[in-house]
Amino acid sequence: MAKKLAVIGAGLMGSGIAQVSAQAGWDVVLRDITDEALTRGTDGIKASYDKFVSKGKLTAEEAQAALGRITTTTDLDAAADADIVVEAVFERIDVKQEIFRTLDGLVKDETILASNTSAIPITKIAAATRRPERVVGTHFFSPVPMMQLCELVRGHKTSDETLAAAREFAESVGKTCIVVNRDVAGFVTTRLISALVVEATKLYESGVATAEDIDTACKLGFGHAMGPLATADLTGVDILLHATENIYTESQDEKFAPPELMRRMVDAGDIGRKSGQGFYRY
């Protein structure tokens, strides 16, 4: 299989995808719009490799070789000779469509264009291209080096070959795949966590139970590794608000209507671990 990957967006997700791919032997070009963003992304990758080396999961030589397979750029043209392009930018349909429209005119005819979106229908993103059959969802989970799952999403026109190639790529970087056969907003995982977070927030908001007790119930009652409110803080309350709004707009299903408390928390900047305050204080 071809081994040239372009990752668009050097944030937490993009840099994580670049990291596991380089470690698996892919040549990776990591693109973002500023040098600062690229430096932050590569610093994170180096720190993560160092951690793996210190734990004996990677040798220093392997880490060095993997780093050597990653190049960075602010130029989207660098994706031109990639076999697969994975987009991992902000969750806004207009931003993603613009990138896919540009990539469509840049890359080889056989190149697969993948999106790491967690809630936006792949069909809508693919509509910006002249190759909807070569567009697929590859939804990785954060932190990418630790999380085993990749959710593959078939758009309305995604071909079997494209889905198979996306699976081959995801499995080559050590992930286990599930397939979303119908391109519904939020796919499988984001719908499940959104429904759980919305209900947990309502229980907390109305004083039924504390955040700690709601999370303990899910951990000890259902075997979840982390409760829904702690998960919201880790992911970012703003990100989950955005995801639930997307799903609600698409589906008009009341169970995805974001509670008022989530909106107020985002307005106040209490968006979780990254701000020091969410449902918990950090």
Protein backbone atom coordinates (compact mmCIF):
# COMPACT_ATOMS: atom_id res chain seq x y z
CA MET A 1 0.00 0.00 0.00
CA ALA A 2 1.10 3.56 -0.69
CA LYS A 3 2.76 5.31 2.18
CA LYS A 4 2.45 9.07 1.58
CA LEU A 5 0.04 10.86 3.92
CA ALA A 6 -0.91 14.53 4.21
CA VAL A 7 -2.56 15.74 7.43
CA ILE A 8 -4.32 19.10 7.26
CA GLY A 9 -4.40 20.75 10.69
CA ALA A 10 -1.68 20.40 13.34
CA GLY A 11 -3.90 20.65 16.42
CA LEU A 12 -4.34 17.88 18.98
CA MET A 13 -6.06 15.53 16.52
CA GLY A 14 -3.98 16.30 13.43
CA SER A 15 -0.65 16.03 15.23
CA GLY A 16 -1.82 12.78 16.88
CA ILE A 17 -2.75 11.28 13.50
CA ALA A 18 0.62 12.39 12.08
CA GLN A 19 2.39 10.87 15.09
CA VAL A 20 0.88 7.38 14.85
CA SER A 21 1.21 7.33 11.06
CA ALA A 22 4.91 8.29 11.08
CA GLN A 23 5.51 5.69 13.79
CA ALA A 24 3.86 3.09 11.51
CA GLY A 25 6.19 3.97 8.63
CA TRP A 26 4.14 6.51 6.66
CA ASP A 27 5.85 9.58 5.20
CA VAL A 28 3.77 12.43 6.60
CA VAL A 29 3.44 16.05 5.58
CA LEU A 30 1.70 18.05 8.33
CA ARG A 31 0.13 21.30 7.21
CA ASP A 32 -1.31 24.21 9.19
CA ILE A 33 -1.78 27.90 8.42
CA THR A 34 0.86 29.28 10.83
CA ASP A 35 4.39 28.25 11.80
CA GLU A 36 3.37 28.65 15.47
CA ALA A 37 0.66 26.02 15.10
CA LEU A 38 3.12 23.66 13.39
CA THR A 39 5.71 24.18 16.15
CA ARG A 40 3.09 23.46 18.83
CA GLY A 41 2.04 20.32 16.96
CA THR A 42 5.57 18.96 16.47
CA ASP A 43 6.55 19.82 20.07
CA GLY A 44 3.58 17.72 21.21
CA ILE A 45 4.63 14.84 18.96
CA LYS A 46 8.22 14.95 20.28
CA ALA A 47 6.99 15.01 23.90
CA SER A 48 4.69 12.05 23.25
CA TYR A 49 7.47 10.02 21.58
CA ASP A 50 9.76 10.83 24.53
CA LYS A 51 7.12 9.50 26.90
CA PHE A 52 6.86 6.25 24.91
CA VAL A 53 10.66 5.92 24.94
CA SER A 54 10.83 6.48 28.72
CA LYS A 55 8.19 3.76 29.20
CA GLY A 56 10.10 1.35 26.94
CA LYS A 57 7.35 1.22 24.30
CA LEU A 58 9.61 2.75 21.63
CA THR A 59 13.39 2.85 21.26
CA ALA A 60 15.10 6.24 20.93
CA GLU A 61 16.12 5.22 17.39
CA GLU A 62 12.53 4.36 16.42
CA ALA A 63 11.29 7.69 17.80
CA GLN A 64 14.01 9.57 15.92
CA ALA A 65 13.20 7.71 12.68
CA ALA A 66 9.48 8.44 13.08
CA LEU A 67 10.17 12.15 13.66
CA GLY A 68 12.32 12.12 10.53
CA ARG A 69 9.31 10.96 8.51
CA ILE A 70 7.30 14.09 9.41
CA THR A 71 7.72 17.31 7.43
CA THR A 72 5.74 20.48 8.16
CA THR A 73 4.46 23.21 5.87
CA THR A 74 2.00 26.11 5.64
CA ASP A 75 1.48 25.34 1.94
CA LEU A 76 -1.54 23.24 1.01
CA ASP A 77 0.15 22.40 -2.31
CA ALA A 78 2.43 20.05 -0.36
CA ALA A 79 -0.51 17.59 -0.29
CA ALA A 80 -0.38 17.24 -4.10
CA ASP A 81 1.44 13.88 -4.21
CA ALA A 82 -0.22 12.30 -1.14
CA ASP A 83 -2.02 8.97 -1.47
CA ILE A 84 -4.33 9.80 1.43
CA VAL A 85 -5.17 13.23 2.85
CA VAL A 86 -6.73 13.44 6.32
CA GLU A 87 -8.33 16.76 7.21
CA ALA A 88 -8.40 17.58 10.93
CA VAL A 89 -9.37 21.26 11.14
CA PHE A 90 -12.05 23.11 13.11
CA GLU A 91 -15.55 21.58 13.05
CA ARG A 92 -17.14 24.03 10.65
CA ILE A 93 -18.71 22.88 7.41
CA ASP A 94 -17.67 25.99 5.43
CA VAL A 95 -14.02 25.64 6.52
CA LYS A 96 -13.94 21.94 5.64
CA GLN A 97 -15.69 22.38 2.29
CA GLU A 98 -13.22 25.10 1.29
CA ILE A 99 -10.27 22.80 2.07
CA PHE A 100 -11.81 19.85 0.22
CA ARG A 101 -12.63 22.04 -2.80
CA THR A 102 -8.99 23.16 -2.97
CA LEU A 103 -7.59 19.66 -2.38
CA ASP A 104 -9.83 18.25 -5.11
CA GLY A 105 -8.04 20.44 -7.65
CA LEU A 106 -4.59 19.65 -6.23
CA VAL A 107 -4.27 15.95 -5.58
CA LYS A 108 -4.03 12.90 -7.87
CA ASP A 109 -7.26 11.44 -9.26
CA GLU A 110 -6.86 8.28 -7.17
CA THR A 111 -6.07 10.10 -3.90
CA ILE A 112 -8.46 9.46 -1.03
CA LEU A 113 -9.73 12.53 0.82
CA ALA A 114 -10.65 11.75 4.43
CA SER A 115 -12.14 13.92 7.16
CA ASN A 116 -11.61 13.48 10.88
CA THR A 117 -14.94 15.20 11.60
CA SER A 118 -16.89 13.85 14.57
CA ALA A 119 -20.35 15.17 13.68
CA ILE A 120 -20.59 16.75 10.20
CA PRO A 121 -22.08 14.49 7.51
CA ILE A 122 -19.39 13.26 5.10
CA THR A 123 -21.81 13.66 2.19
CA LYS A 124 -21.92 17.42 2.79
CA ILE A 125 -18.11 17.65 2.82
CA ALA A 126 -17.81 15.41 -0.26
CA ALA A 127 -20.28 17.62 -2.17
CA ALA A 128 -17.55 20.28 -2.42
CA THR A 129 -15.48 17.91 -4.62
CA ARG A 130 -15.80 16.26 -8.04
CA ARG A 131 -14.84 12.90 -6.46
CA PRO A 132 -17.48 12.18 -3.77
CA GLU A 133 -16.82 8.45 -4.23
CA ARG A 134 -13.21 9.02 -3.01
CA VAL A 135 -14.26 10.93 0.15
CA VAL A 136 -14.61 9.10 3.47
CA GLY A 137 -14.78 9.80 7.20
CA THR A 138 -11.88 8.64 9.40
CA HIS A 139 -12.91 9.74 12.87
CA PHE A 140 -10.00 9.17 15.26
CA PHE A 141 -10.27 9.62 19.04
CA SER A 142 -8.30 11.82 21.41
CA PRO A 143 -5.57 11.30 22.45
CA VAL A 144 -4.87 9.53 19.14
CA PRO A 145 -1.71 7.66 20.28
CA MET A 146 -3.66 6.05 23.17
CA MET A 147 -7.17 5.52 21.79
CA GLN A 148 -7.71 2.34 19.78
CA LEU A 149 -10.83 3.27 17.84
CA CYS A 150 -11.30 4.72 14.37
CA GLU A 151 -14.85 5.30 13.13
CA LEU A 152 -15.01 4.91 9.34
CA VAL A 153 -17.89 6.79 7.77
CA ARG A 154 -19.37 6.02 4.40
CA GLY A 155 -20.77 9.11 2.68
CA HIS A 156 -23.76 8.77 0.34
CA LYS A 157 -21.40 8.17 -2.61
CA THR A 158 -18.30 6.69 -0.92
CA SER A 159 -17.13 3.64 -2.89
CA ASP A 160 -16.34 0.22 -1.42
CA GLU A 161 -12.72 0.62 -2.60
CA THR A 162 -12.37 3.94 -0.76
CA LEU A 163 -13.80 2.46 2.44
CA ALA A 164 -11.44 -0.53 2.14
CA ALA A 165 -8.41 1.73 1.60
CA ALA A 166 -9.40 3.90 4.58
CA ARG A 167 -9.68 0.77 6.73
CA GLU A 168 -6.29 -0.46 5.52
CA PHE A 169 -4.76 2.92 6.45
CA ALA A 170 -6.38 3.06 9.91
CA GLU A 171 -5.44 -0.54 10.69
CA SER A 172 -1.87 0.09 9.49
CA VAL A 173 -1.51 2.76 12.21
CA GLY A 174 -2.80 0.35 14.87
CA LYS A 175 -6.50 1.21 15.08
CA THR A 176 -9.57 -1.00 15.30
CA CYS A 177 -12.33 0.21 12.98
CA ILE A 178 -16.09 0.36 13.15
CA VAL A 179 -18.06 1.24 10.02
CA VAL A 180 -20.90 3.76 9.88
CA ASN A 181 -22.92 2.62 6.87
CA ARG A 182 -25.43 5.47 6.86
CA ASP A 183 -24.10 9.01 6.98
CA VAL A 184 -26.14 10.40 9.86
CA ALA A 185 -24.97 13.53 11.71
CA GLY A 186 -22.84 12.49 14.67
CA PHE A 187 -22.30 8.95 13.33
CA VAL A 188 -22.35 6.31 16.10
CA THR A 189 -19.95 7.52 18.78
CA THR A 190 -20.74 11.24 18.84
CA ARG A 191 -24.47 10.51 18.99
CA LEU A 192 -23.98 8.15 21.93
CA ILE A 193 -21.71 10.46 23.95
CA SER A 194 -23.81 13.54 23.07
CA ALA A 195 -27.04 11.89 24.27
CA LEU A 196 -25.29 10.81 27.48
CA VAL A 197 -23.67 14.23 28.12
CA VAL A 198 -26.95 16.08 27.42
CA GLU A 199 -28.87 13.89 29.90
CA ALA A 200 -26.06 14.02 32.50
CA THR A 201 -25.98 17.84 32.20
CA LYS A 202 -29.75 18.05 32.66
CA LEU A 203 -29.55 15.86 35.80
CA TYR A 204 -26.75 18.06 37.17
CA GLU A 205 -28.43 21.33 36.12
CA SER A 206 -31.71 20.43 37.84
CA GLY A 207 -29.97 19.40 41.07
CA VAL A 208 -30.83 15.69 40.86
CA ALA A 209 -27.22 14.69 41.68
CA THR A 210 -23.70 16.11 41.85
CA ALA A 211 -21.33 15.89 38.86
CA GLU A 212 -19.18 13.44 40.86
CA ASP A 213 -22.10 11.15 41.63
CA ILE A 214 -23.41 11.17 38.04
CA ASP A 215 -19.94 10.22 36.79
CA THR A 216 -19.50 7.56 39.50
CA ALA A 217 -22.84 6.04 38.47
CA CYS A 218 -21.62 5.64 34.88
CA LYS A 219 -18.22 4.30 35.90
CA LEU A 220 -19.37 1.76 38.48
CA GLY A 221 -22.85 1.04 37.08
CA PHE A 222 -21.94 0.73 33.39
CA GLY A 223 -18.19 0.05 33.47
CA HIS A 224 -17.30 3.32 31.71
CA ALA A 225 -13.63 4.31 32.11
CA MET A 226 -14.69 7.94 32.59
CA GLY A 227 -18.03 9.56 33.41
CA PRO A 228 -19.86 11.77 30.86
CA LEU A 229 -19.23 15.09 32.64
CA ALA A 230 -15.50 14.40 33.11
CA THR A 231 -15.46 13.37 29.44
CA ALA A 232 -17.10 16.69 28.49
CA ASP A 233 -14.38 18.54 30.42
CA LEU A 234 -11.65 16.52 28.73
CA THR A 235 -13.08 16.92 25.22
CA GLY A 236 -14.10 20.54 25.79
CA VAL A 237 -17.63 21.65 26.67
CA ASP A 238 -17.46 24.00 23.66
CA ILE A 239 -16.63 21.11 21.30
CA LEU A 240 -19.49 18.99 22.63
CA LEU A 241 -21.91 21.92 22.50
CA HIS A 242 -20.96 22.39 18.84
CA ALA A 243 -21.40 18.66 18.14
CA THR A 244 -24.81 18.43 19.83
CA GLU A 245 -25.98 21.56 17.98
CA ASN A 246 -24.89 20.00 14.66
CA ILE A 247 -26.75 16.76 15.39
CA TYR A 248 -29.86 18.60 16.65
CA THR A 249 -29.92 20.88 13.57
CA GLU A 250 -29.68 17.85 11.25
CA SER A 251 -32.02 15.49 13.09
CA GLN A 252 -34.42 17.80 14.97
CA ASP A 253 -34.30 15.09 17.66
CA GLU A 254 -35.01 16.74 21.03
CA LYS A 255 -32.65 14.47 22.92
CA PHE A 256 -29.73 16.30 21.27
CA ALA A 257 -30.96 19.83 22.12
CA PRO A 258 -28.11 21.30 24.23
CA PRO A 259 -29.11 22.21 27.80
CA GLU A 260 -28.98 25.90 28.74
CA LEU A 261 -26.21 25.21 31.27
CA MET A 262 -23.87 24.04 28.49
CA ARG A 263 -24.44 27.29 26.59
CA ARG A 264 -23.86 29.40 29.72
CA MET A 265 -20.66 27.52 30.56
CA VAL A 266 -19.31 28.16 27.06
CA ASP A 267 -20.37 31.85 27.25
CA ALA A 268 -18.47 32.14 30.55
CA GLY A 269 -15.38 30.35 29.20
CA ASP A 270 -15.81 27.38 31.57
CA ILE A 271 -15.05 24.86 28.84
CA GLY A 272 -13.23 22.17 30.82
CA ARG A 273 -9.64 21.16 31.45
CA LYS A 274 -8.15 23.56 28.90
CA SER A 275 -9.66 26.56 30.74
CA GLY A 276 -9.17 25.18 34.28
CA GLN A 277 -12.92 25.04 34.97
CA GLY A 278 -15.79 23.00 33.53
CA PHE A 279 -18.09 20.68 35.43
CA TYR A 280 -15.00 20.28 37.67
CA ARG A 281 -12.17 22.63 38.66
CA TYR A 282 -8.65 21.77 37.42
